[in-house]
PDB file of N, CA and C in Angstrom:
ATOM      1  N   MET A   1      21.826 -11.765  24.220  1.00  0.00           N
ATOM      2  CA  MET A   1      21.851 -12.662  23.087  1.00  0.00           C
ATOM      3  C   MET A   1      21.507 -11.864  21.825  1.00  0.00           C
ATOM      4  N   LYS A   2      22.283 -12.088  20.775  1.00  0.00           N
ATOM      5  CA  LYS A   2      22.038 -11.397  19.507  1.00  0.00           C
ATOM      6  C   LYS A   2      21.702 -12.403  18.419  1.00  0.00           C
ATOM      7  N   THR A   3      20.988 -11.921  17.447  1.00  0.00           N
ATOM      8  CA  THR A   3      20.708 -12.689  16.242  1.00  0.00           C
ATOM      9  C   THR A   3      20.838 -11.741  15.058  1.00  0.00           C
ATOM     10  N   SER A   4      20.619 -12.238  13.888  1.00  0.00           N
ATOM     11  CA  SER A   4      20.720 -11.371  12.718  1.00  0.00           C
ATOM     12  C   SER A   4      19.660 -11.731  11.687  1.00  0.00           C
ATOM     13  N   ILE A   5      19.362 -10.756  10.877  1.00  0.00           N
ATOM     14  CA  ILE A   5      18.506 -10.945   9.708  1.00  0.00           C
ATOM     15  C   ILE A   5      19.363 -10.623   8.498  1.00  0.00           C
ATOM     16  N   GLU A   6      19.274 -11.465   7.493  1.00  0.00           N
ATOM     17  CA  GLU A   6      20.009 -11.229   6.257  1.00  0.00           C
ATOM     18  C   GLU A   6      19.043 -11.142   5.088  1.00  0.00           C
ATOM     19  N   LEU A   7      19.281 -10.179   4.239  1.00  0.00           N
ATOM     20  CA  LEU A   7      18.603 -10.079   2.951  1.00  0.00           C
ATOM     21  C   LEU A   7      19.708 -10.232   1.917  1.00  0.00           C
ATOM     22  N   ASN A   8      19.661 -11.275   1.141  1.00  0.00           N
ATOM     23  CA  ASN A   8      20.754 -11.584   0.224  1.00  0.00           C
ATOM     24  C   ASN A   8      20.346 -11.441  -1.232  1.00  0.00           C
ATOM     25  N   ARG A   9      21.210 -10.763  -1.963  1.00  0.00           N
ATOM     26  CA  ARG A   9      21.098 -10.655  -3.418  1.00  0.00           C
ATOM     27  C   ARG A   9      19.757 -10.086  -3.876  1.00  0.00           C
ATOM     28  N   ILE A  10      19.321  -9.015  -3.224  1.00  0.00           N
ATOM     29  CA  ILE A  10      18.103  -8.317  -3.640  1.00  0.00           C
ATOM     30  C   ILE A  10      18.457  -7.513  -4.890  1.00  0.00           C
ATOM     31  N   ARG A  11      17.644  -7.605  -5.913  1.00  0.00           N
ATOM     32  CA  ARG A  11      17.950  -6.933  -7.181  1.00  0.00           C
ATOM     33  C   ARG A  11      17.083  -5.702  -7.384  1.00  0.00           C
ATOM     34  N   PHE A  12      17.733  -4.655  -7.875  1.00  0.00           N
ATOM     35  CA  PHE A  12      17.061  -3.386  -8.160  1.00  0.00           C
ATOM     36  C   PHE A  12      17.559  -2.841  -9.489  1.00  0.00           C
ATOM     37  N   PHE A  13      16.723  -2.079 -10.147  1.00  0.00           N
ATOM     38  CA  PHE A  13      17.151  -1.283 -11.294  1.00  0.00           C
ATOM     39  C   PHE A  13      17.129   0.153 -10.826  1.00  0.00           C
ATOM     40  N   SER A  14      18.293   0.813 -10.879  1.00  0.00           N
ATOM     41  CA  SER A  14      18.415   2.162 -10.329  1.00  0.00           C
ATOM     42  C   SER A  14      19.280   3.024 -11.231  1.00  0.00           C
ATOM     43  N   TYR A  15      19.302   4.311 -10.902  1.00  0.00           N
ATOM     44  CA  TYR A  15      20.014   5.305 -11.710  1.00  0.00           C
ATOM     45  C   TYR A  15      21.142   5.947 -10.904  1.00  0.00           C
ATOM     46  N   HIS A  16      22.144   5.152 -10.546  1.00  0.00           N
ATOM     47  CA  HIS A  16      23.286   5.642  -9.788  1.00  0.00           C
ATOM     48  C   HIS A  16      24.501   5.736 -10.699  1.00  0.00           C
ATOM     49  N   GLY A  17      25.410   6.642 -10.367  1.00  0.00           N
ATOM     50  CA  GLY A  17      26.672   6.715 -11.092  1.00  0.00           C
ATOM     51  C   GLY A  17      27.156   8.138 -11.257  1.00  0.00           C
ATOM     52  N   VAL A  18      28.445   8.261 -11.471  1.00  0.00           N
ATOM     53  CA  VAL A  18      29.060   9.566 -11.683  1.00  0.00           C
ATOM     54  C   VAL A  18      28.832  10.025 -13.122  1.00  0.00           C
ATOM     55  N   ALA A  19      28.924   9.100 -14.054  1.00  0.00           N
ATOM     56  CA  ALA A  19      28.759   9.449 -15.469  1.00  0.00           C
ATOM     57  C   ALA A  19      27.291   9.746 -15.788  1.00  0.00           C
ATOM     58  N   GLU A  20      27.092  10.737 -16.646  1.00  0.00           N
ATOM     59  CA  GLU A  20      25.730  11.116 -17.037  1.00  0.00           C
ATOM     60  C   GLU A  20      24.982   9.933 -17.649  1.00  0.00           C
ATOM     61  N   GLN A  21      25.659   9.129 -18.443  1.00  0.00           N
ATOM     62  CA  GLN A  21      25.012   7.983 -19.079  1.00  0.00           C
ATOM     63  C   GLN A  21      24.496   6.990 -18.041  1.00  0.00           C
ATOM     64  N   GLU A  22      25.253   6.746 -16.984  1.00  0.00           N
ATOM     65  CA  GLU A  22      24.811   5.832 -15.920  1.00  0.00           C
ATOM     66  C   GLU A  22      23.516   6.328 -15.290  1.00  0.00           C
ATOM     67  N   ARG A  23      23.444   7.623 -15.060  1.00  0.00           N
ATOM     68  CA  ARG A  23      22.251   8.197 -14.422  1.00  0.00           C
ATOM     69  C   ARG A  23      21.069   8.252 -15.382  1.00  0.00           C
ATOM     70  N   ARG A  24      21.341   8.374 -16.680  1.00  0.00           N
ATOM     71  CA  ARG A  24      20.262   8.467 -17.655  1.00  0.00           C
ATOM     72  C   ARG A  24      19.716   7.080 -18.021  1.00  0.00           C
ATOM     73  N   VAL A  25      20.606   6.109 -18.257  1.00  0.00           N
ATOM     74  CA  VAL A  25      20.212   4.785 -18.723  1.00  0.00           C
ATOM     75  C   VAL A  25      19.846   3.859 -17.565  1.00  0.00           C
ATOM     76  N   GLY A  26      20.530   3.997 -16.437  1.00  0.00           N
ATOM     77  CA  GLY A  26      20.294   3.124 -15.294  1.00  0.00           C
ATOM     78  C   GLY A  26      21.063   1.820 -15.416  1.00  0.00           C
ATOM     79  N   ASN A  27      20.972   1.015 -14.363  1.00  0.00           N
ATOM     80  CA  ASN A  27      21.710  -0.236 -14.328  1.00  0.00           C
ATOM     81  C   ASN A  27      21.078  -1.163 -13.303  1.00  0.00           C
ATOM     82  N   ASP A  28      21.421  -2.446 -13.407  1.00  0.00           N
ATOM     83  CA  ASP A  28      20.985  -3.435 -12.420  1.00  0.00           C
ATOM     84  C   ASP A  28      21.960  -3.425 -11.247  1.00  0.00           C
ATOM     85  N   TYR A  29      21.415  -3.510 -10.046  1.00  0.00           N
ATOM     86  CA  TYR A  29      22.220  -3.540  -8.825  1.00  0.00           C
ATOM     87  C   TYR A  29      21.742  -4.686  -7.953  1.00  0.00           C
ATOM     88  N   GLU A  30      22.661  -5.213  -7.162  1.00  0.00           N
ATOM     89  CA  GLU A  30      22.355  -6.291  -6.238  1.00  0.00           C
ATOM     90  C   GLU A  30      22.817  -5.865  -4.848  1.00  0.00           C
ATOM     91  N   VAL A  31      21.939  -6.004  -3.870  1.00  0.00           N
ATOM     92  CA  VAL A  31      22.237  -5.590  -2.501  1.00  0.00           C
ATOM     93  C   VAL A  31      22.112  -6.800  -1.582  1.00  0.00           C
ATOM     94  N   SER A  32      23.101  -6.987  -0.722  1.00  0.00           N
ATOM     95  CA  SER A  32      23.029  -7.967   0.363  1.00  0.00           C
ATOM     96  C   SER A  32      23.226  -7.212   1.668  1.00  0.00           C
ATOM     97  N   LEU A  33      22.489  -7.619   2.675  1.00  0.00           N
ATOM     98  CA  LEU A  33      22.455  -6.873   3.929  1.00  0.00           C
ATOM     99  C   LEU A  33      22.361  -7.845   5.097  1.00  0.00           C
ATOM    100  N   ARG A  34      23.141  -7.582   6.132  1.00  0.00           N
ATOM    101  CA  ARG A  34      23.039  -8.348   7.380  1.00  0.00           C
ATOM    102  C   ARG A  34      22.932  -7.349   8.517  1.00  0.00           C
ATOM    103  N   VAL A  35      21.919  -7.528   9.365  1.00  0.00           N
ATOM    104  CA  VAL A  35      21.710  -6.642  10.505  1.00  0.00           C
ATOM    105  C   VAL A  35      21.651  -7.496  11.767  1.00  0.00           C
ATOM    106  N   ASP A  36      22.551  -7.222  12.710  1.00  0.00           N
ATOM    107  CA  ASP A  36      22.551  -7.900  14.009  1.00  0.00           C
ATOM    108  C   ASP A  36      21.723  -7.091  14.991  1.00  0.00           C
ATOM    109  N   TYR A  37      20.999  -7.777  15.863  1.00  0.00           N
ATOM    110  CA  TYR A  37      20.179  -7.072  16.846  1.00  0.00           C
ATOM    111  C   TYR A  37      19.927  -7.966  18.058  1.00  0.00           C
ATOM    112  N   PRO A  38      19.586  -7.347  19.211  1.00  0.00           N
ATOM    113  CA  PRO A  38      19.308  -8.122  20.423  1.00  0.00           C
ATOM    114  C   PRO A  38      17.981  -8.872  20.298  1.00  0.00           C
ATOM    115  N   LEU A  39      17.959 -10.070  20.825  1.00  0.00           N
ATOM    116  CA  LEU A  39      16.821 -10.969  20.659  1.00  0.00           C
ATOM    117  C   LEU A  39      15.913 -11.063  21.884  1.00  0.00           C
ATOM    118  N   GLU A  40      16.394 -10.669  23.045  1.00  0.00           N
ATOM    119  CA  GLU A  40      15.682 -10.947  24.298  1.00  0.00           C
ATOM    120  C   GLU A  40      14.248 -10.420  24.339  1.00  0.00           C
ATOM    121  N   ARG A  41      14.020  -9.177  23.953  1.00  0.00           N
ATOM    122  CA  ARG A  41      12.665  -8.602  24.055  1.00  0.00           C
ATOM    123  C   ARG A  41      11.666  -9.373  23.203  1.00  0.00           C
ATOM    124  N   ALA A  42      12.052  -9.722  21.997  1.00  0.00           N
ATOM    125  CA  ALA A  42      11.151 -10.469  21.114  1.00  0.00           C
ATOM    126  C   ALA A  42      10.873 -11.867  21.652  1.00  0.00           C
ATOM    127  N   MET A  43      11.862 -12.469  22.314  1.00  0.00           N
ATOM    128  CA  MET A  43      11.663 -13.797  22.894  1.00  0.00           C
ATOM    129  C   MET A  43      10.604 -13.773  23.980  1.00  0.00           C
ATOM    130  N   GLU A  44      10.518 -12.670  24.703  1.00  0.00           N
ATOM    131  CA  GLU A  44       9.543 -12.539  25.785  1.00  0.00           C
ATOM    132  C   GLU A  44       8.181 -12.053  25.298  1.00  0.00           C
ATOM    133  N   SER A  45       8.169 -11.098  24.382  1.00  0.00           N
ATOM    134  CA  SER A  45       6.917 -10.416  24.041  1.00  0.00           C
ATOM    135  C   SER A  45       6.119 -11.080  22.922  1.00  0.00           C
ATOM    136  N   ASP A  46       6.774 -11.806  22.026  1.00  0.00           N
ATOM    137  CA  ASP A  46       6.119 -12.373  20.846  1.00  0.00           C
ATOM    138  C   ASP A  46       5.494 -11.283  19.984  1.00  0.00           C
ATOM    139  N   SER A  47       6.128 -10.117  19.965  1.00  0.00           N
ATOM    140  CA  SER A  47       5.601  -8.963  19.236  1.00  0.00           C
ATOM    141  C   SER A  47       6.574  -8.524  18.144  1.00  0.00           C
ATOM    142  N   LEU A  48       6.035  -8.242  16.977  1.00  0.00           N
ATOM    143  CA  LEU A  48       6.847  -7.748  15.875  1.00  0.00           C
ATOM    144  C   LEU A  48       7.508  -6.419  16.219  1.00  0.00           C
ATOM    145  N   CYS A  49       6.905  -5.671  17.129  1.00  0.00           N
ATOM    146  CA  CYS A  49       7.474  -4.380  17.541  1.00  0.00           C
ATOM    147  C   CYS A  49       8.832  -4.537  18.221  1.00  0.00           C
ATOM    148  N   ASP A  50       9.128  -5.711  18.747  1.00  0.00           N
ATOM    149  CA  ASP A  50      10.370  -5.940  19.485  1.00  0.00           C
ATOM    150  C   ASP A  50      11.427  -6.697  18.682  1.00  0.00           C
ATOM    151  N   THR A  51      11.237  -6.744  17.394  1.00  0.00           N
ATOM    152  CA  THR A  51      12.207  -7.427  16.541  1.00  0.00           C
ATOM    153  C   THR A  51      12.414  -6.615  15.274  1.00  0.00           C
ATOM    154  N   LEU A  52      13.226  -7.116  14.379  1.00  0.00           N
ATOM    155  CA  LEU A  52      13.392  -6.475  13.078  1.00  0.00           C
ATOM    156  C   LEU A  52      12.440  -7.129  12.090  1.00  0.00           C
ATOM    157  N   ASP A  53      11.695  -6.327  11.422  1.00  0.00           N
ATOM    158  CA  ASP A  53      10.743  -6.787  10.420  1.00  0.00           C
ATOM    159  C   ASP A  53      11.462  -6.819   9.072  1.00  0.00           C
ATOM    160  N   TYR A  54      11.691  -8.019   8.538  1.00  0.00           N
ATOM    161  CA  TYR A  54      12.463  -8.101   7.299  1.00  0.00           C
ATOM    162  C   TYR A  54      11.746  -7.450   6.126  1.00  0.00           C
ATOM    163  N   ALA A  55      10.411  -7.413   6.145  1.00  0.00           N
ATOM    164  CA  ALA A  55       9.677  -6.717   5.082  1.00  0.00           C
ATOM    165  C   ALA A  55       9.933  -5.208   5.159  1.00  0.00           C
ATOM    166  N   ALA A  56       9.998  -4.680   6.373  1.00  0.00           N
ATOM    167  CA  ALA A  56      10.305  -3.254   6.549  1.00  0.00           C
ATOM    168  C   ALA A  56      11.746  -2.961   6.135  1.00  0.00           C
ATOM    169  N   LEU A  57      12.674  -3.870   6.447  1.00  0.00           N
ATOM    170  CA  LEU A  57      14.061  -3.696   6.002  1.00  0.00           C
ATOM    171  C   LEU A  57      14.129  -3.630   4.479  1.00  0.00           C
ATOM    172  N   TYR A  58      13.428  -4.547   3.830  1.00  0.00           N
ATOM    173  CA  TYR A  58      13.406  -4.540   2.367  1.00  0.00           C
ATOM    174  C   TYR A  58      12.851  -3.218   1.842  1.00  0.00           C
ATOM    175  N   ALA A  59      11.766  -2.745   2.429  1.00  0.00           N
ATOM    176  CA  ALA A  59      11.148  -1.492   1.983  1.00  0.00           C
ATOM    177  C   ALA A  59      12.105  -0.311   2.143  1.00  0.00           C
ATOM    178  N   LEU A  60      12.861  -0.282   3.243  1.00  0.00           N
ATOM    179  CA  LEU A  60      13.836   0.794   3.444  1.00  0.00           C
ATOM    180  C   LEU A  60      14.934   0.752   2.383  1.00  0.00           C
ATOM    181  N   VAL A  61      15.439  -0.437   2.102  1.00  0.00           N
ATOM    182  CA  VAL A  61      16.480  -0.578   1.082  1.00  0.00           C
ATOM    183  C   VAL A  61      15.928  -0.167  -0.283  1.00  0.00           C
ATOM    184  N   ALA A  62      14.735  -0.628  -0.611  1.00  0.00           N
ATOM    185  CA  ALA A  62      14.130  -0.295  -1.904  1.00  0.00           C
ATOM    186  C   ALA A  62      13.926   1.210  -2.047  1.00  0.00           C
ATOM    187  N   ALA A  63      13.483   1.856  -0.985  1.00  0.00           N
ATOM    188  CA  ALA A  63      13.258   3.305  -1.033  1.00  0.00           C
ATOM    189  C   ALA A  63      14.559   4.049  -1.294  1.00  0.00           C
ATOM    190  N   GLU A  64      15.628   3.658  -0.627  1.00  0.00           N
ATOM    191  CA  GLU A  64      16.906   4.341  -0.819  1.00  0.00           C
ATOM    192  C   GLU A  64      17.524   4.022  -2.178  1.00  0.00           C
ATOM    193  N   MET A  65      17.340   2.812  -2.665  1.00  0.00           N
ATOM    194  CA  MET A  65      17.868   2.464  -3.989  1.00  0.00           C
ATOM    195  C   MET A  65      17.153   3.228  -5.094  1.00  0.00           C
ATOM    196  N   SER A  66      15.946   3.686  -4.838  1.00  0.00           N
ATOM    197  CA  SER A  66      15.192   4.412  -5.863  1.00  0.00           C
ATOM    198  C   SER A  66      15.612   5.878  -5.982  1.00  0.00           C
ATOM    199  N   VAL A  67      16.426   6.362  -5.040  1.00  0.00           N
ATOM    200  CA  VAL A  67      16.893   7.753  -5.068  1.00  0.00           C
ATOM    201  C   VAL A  67      18.250   7.792  -5.782  1.00  0.00           C
ATOM    202  N   PRO A  68      18.339   8.425  -6.957  1.00  0.00           N
ATOM    203  CA  PRO A  68      19.606   8.455  -7.688  1.00  0.00           C
ATOM    204  C   PRO A  68      20.726   9.123  -6.882  1.00  0.00           C
ATOM    205  N   SER A  69      21.915   8.533  -6.968  1.00  0.00           N
ATOM    206  CA  SER A  69      23.105   9.074  -6.316  1.00  0.00           C
ATOM    207  C   SER A  69      24.297   8.850  -7.220  1.00  0.00           C
ATOM    208  N   GLN A  70      25.302   9.679  -7.056  1.00  0.00           N
ATOM    209  CA  GLN A  70      26.527   9.477  -7.826  1.00  0.00           C
ATOM    210  C   GLN A  70      27.331   8.300  -7.284  1.00  0.00           C
ATOM    211  N   LEU A  71      27.401   8.181  -5.953  1.00  0.00           N
ATOM    212  CA  LEU A  71      28.254   7.166  -5.332  1.00  0.00           C
ATOM    213  C   LEU A  71      27.429   6.088  -4.641  1.00  0.00           C
ATOM    214  N   LEU A  72      27.799   4.827  -4.851  1.00  0.00           N
ATOM    215  CA  LEU A  72      27.133   3.732  -4.152  1.00  0.00           C
ATOM    216  C   LEU A  72      27.404   3.807  -2.652  1.00  0.00           C
ATOM    217  N   GLU A  73      28.552   4.359  -2.275  1.00  0.00           N
ATOM    218  CA  GLU A  73      28.852   4.536  -0.853  1.00  0.00           C
ATOM    219  C   GLU A  73      27.836   5.466  -0.196  1.00  0.00           C
ATOM    220  N   HIS A  74      27.398   6.458  -0.947  1.00  0.00           N
ATOM    221  CA  HIS A  74      26.376   7.376  -0.432  1.00  0.00           C
ATOM    222  C   HIS A  74      25.046   6.645  -0.250  1.00  0.00           C
ATOM    223  N   VAL A  75      24.704   5.806  -1.201  1.00  0.00           N
ATOM    224  CA  VAL A  75      23.479   5.005  -1.093  1.00  0.00           C
ATOM    225  C   VAL A  75      23.568   4.099   0.139  1.00  0.00           C
ATOM    226  N   ALA A  76      24.712   3.443   0.330  1.00  0.00           N
ATOM    227  CA  ALA A  76      24.894   2.561   1.491  1.00  0.00           C
ATOM    228  C   ALA A  76      24.742   3.331   2.795  1.00  0.00           C
ATOM    229  N   GLY A  77      25.284   4.540   2.856  1.00  0.00           N
ATOM    230  CA  GLY A  77      25.137   5.369   4.053  1.00  0.00           C
ATOM    231  C   GLY A  77      23.690   5.736   4.316  1.00  0.00           C
ATOM    232  N   ARG A  78      22.949   6.071   3.261  1.00  0.00           N
ATOM    233  CA  ARG A  78      21.528   6.395   3.429  1.00  0.00           C
ATOM    234  C   ARG A  78      20.743   5.177   3.902  1.00  0.00           C
ATOM    235  N   ILE A  79      21.078   4.007   3.364  1.00  0.00           N
ATOM    236  CA  ILE A  79      20.400   2.776   3.801  1.00  0.00           C
ATOM    237  C   ILE A  79      20.655   2.561   5.288  1.00  0.00           C
ATOM    238  N   TRP A  80      21.910   2.695   5.721  1.00  0.00           N
ATOM    239  CA  TRP A  80      22.227   2.483   7.136  1.00  0.00           C
ATOM    240  C   TRP A  80      21.508   3.499   8.024  1.00  0.00           C
ATOM    241  N   ARG A  81      21.492   4.770   7.617  1.00  0.00           N
ATOM    242  CA  ARG A  81      20.798   5.785   8.421  1.00  0.00           C
ATOM    243  C   ARG A  81      19.299   5.499   8.492  1.00  0.00           C
ATOM    244  N   ALA A  82      18.708   5.034   7.406  1.00  0.00           N
ATOM    245  CA  ALA A  82      17.277   4.708   7.405  1.00  0.00           C
ATOM    246  C   ALA A  82      16.990   3.543   8.348  1.00  0.00           C
ATOM    247  N   ILE A  83      17.839   2.517   8.314  1.00  0.00           N
ATOM    248  CA  ILE A  83      17.654   1.363   9.209  1.00  0.00           C
ATOM    249  C   ILE A  83      17.853   1.782  10.657  1.00  0.00           C
ATOM    250  N   SER A  84      18.896   2.558  10.938  1.00  0.00           N
ATOM    251  CA  SER A  84      19.165   3.013  12.313  1.00  0.00           C
ATOM    252  C   SER A  84      18.029   3.867  12.851  1.00  0.00           C
ATOM    253  N   GLY A  85      17.454   4.702  11.992  1.00  0.00           N
ATOM    254  CA  GLY A  85      16.345   5.548  12.430  1.00  0.00           C
ATOM    255  C   GLY A  85      15.077   4.768  12.701  1.00  0.00           C
ATOM    256  N   ARG A  86      14.815   3.761  11.883  1.00  0.00           N
ATOM    257  CA  ARG A  86      13.586   2.970  12.035  1.00  0.00           C
ATOM    258  C   ARG A  86      13.716   1.921  13.133  1.00  0.00           C
ATOM    259  N   PHE A  87      14.929   1.384  13.301  1.00  0.00           N
ATOM    260  CA  PHE A  87      15.185   0.327  14.285  1.00  0.00           C
ATOM    261  C   PHE A  87      16.354   0.735  15.176  1.00  0.00           C
ATOM    262  N   PRO A  88      16.125   1.587  16.171  1.00  0.00           N
ATOM    263  CA  PRO A  88      17.229   2.079  17.001  1.00  0.00           C
ATOM    264  C   PRO A  88      17.951   0.981  17.786  1.00  0.00           C
ATOM    265  N   CYS A  89      17.353  -0.189  17.931  1.00  0.00           N
ATOM    266  CA  CYS A  89      18.005  -1.269  18.683  1.00  0.00           C
ATOM    267  C   CYS A  89      19.203  -1.842  17.943  1.00  0.00           C
ATOM    268  N   VAL A  90      19.345  -1.535  16.640  1.00  0.00           N
ATOM    269  CA  VAL A  90      20.512  -2.038  15.913  1.00  0.00           C
ATOM    270  C   VAL A  90      21.607  -1.027  16.069  1.00  0.00           C
TER     271      VAL A  90
END
């Protein structure tokens, strides 16, 4: 059995972009995220260790959004790698 956690329309101010002005001035960004994961272990254990912690997901996204990048695709890849590393069950 699978379930998902969604973080919708999280807002950040970051310094991403190819143009020098984008990186210098910064811009507002909005991130939405859905992560599917197996539910069985958490149903049995009642432990946060066996589920996805949405506060930790938010912290991972915030950390990656704070690192300037030229491409948003690169930021998205870093977010996915951070989530996969922290929560291997996804």
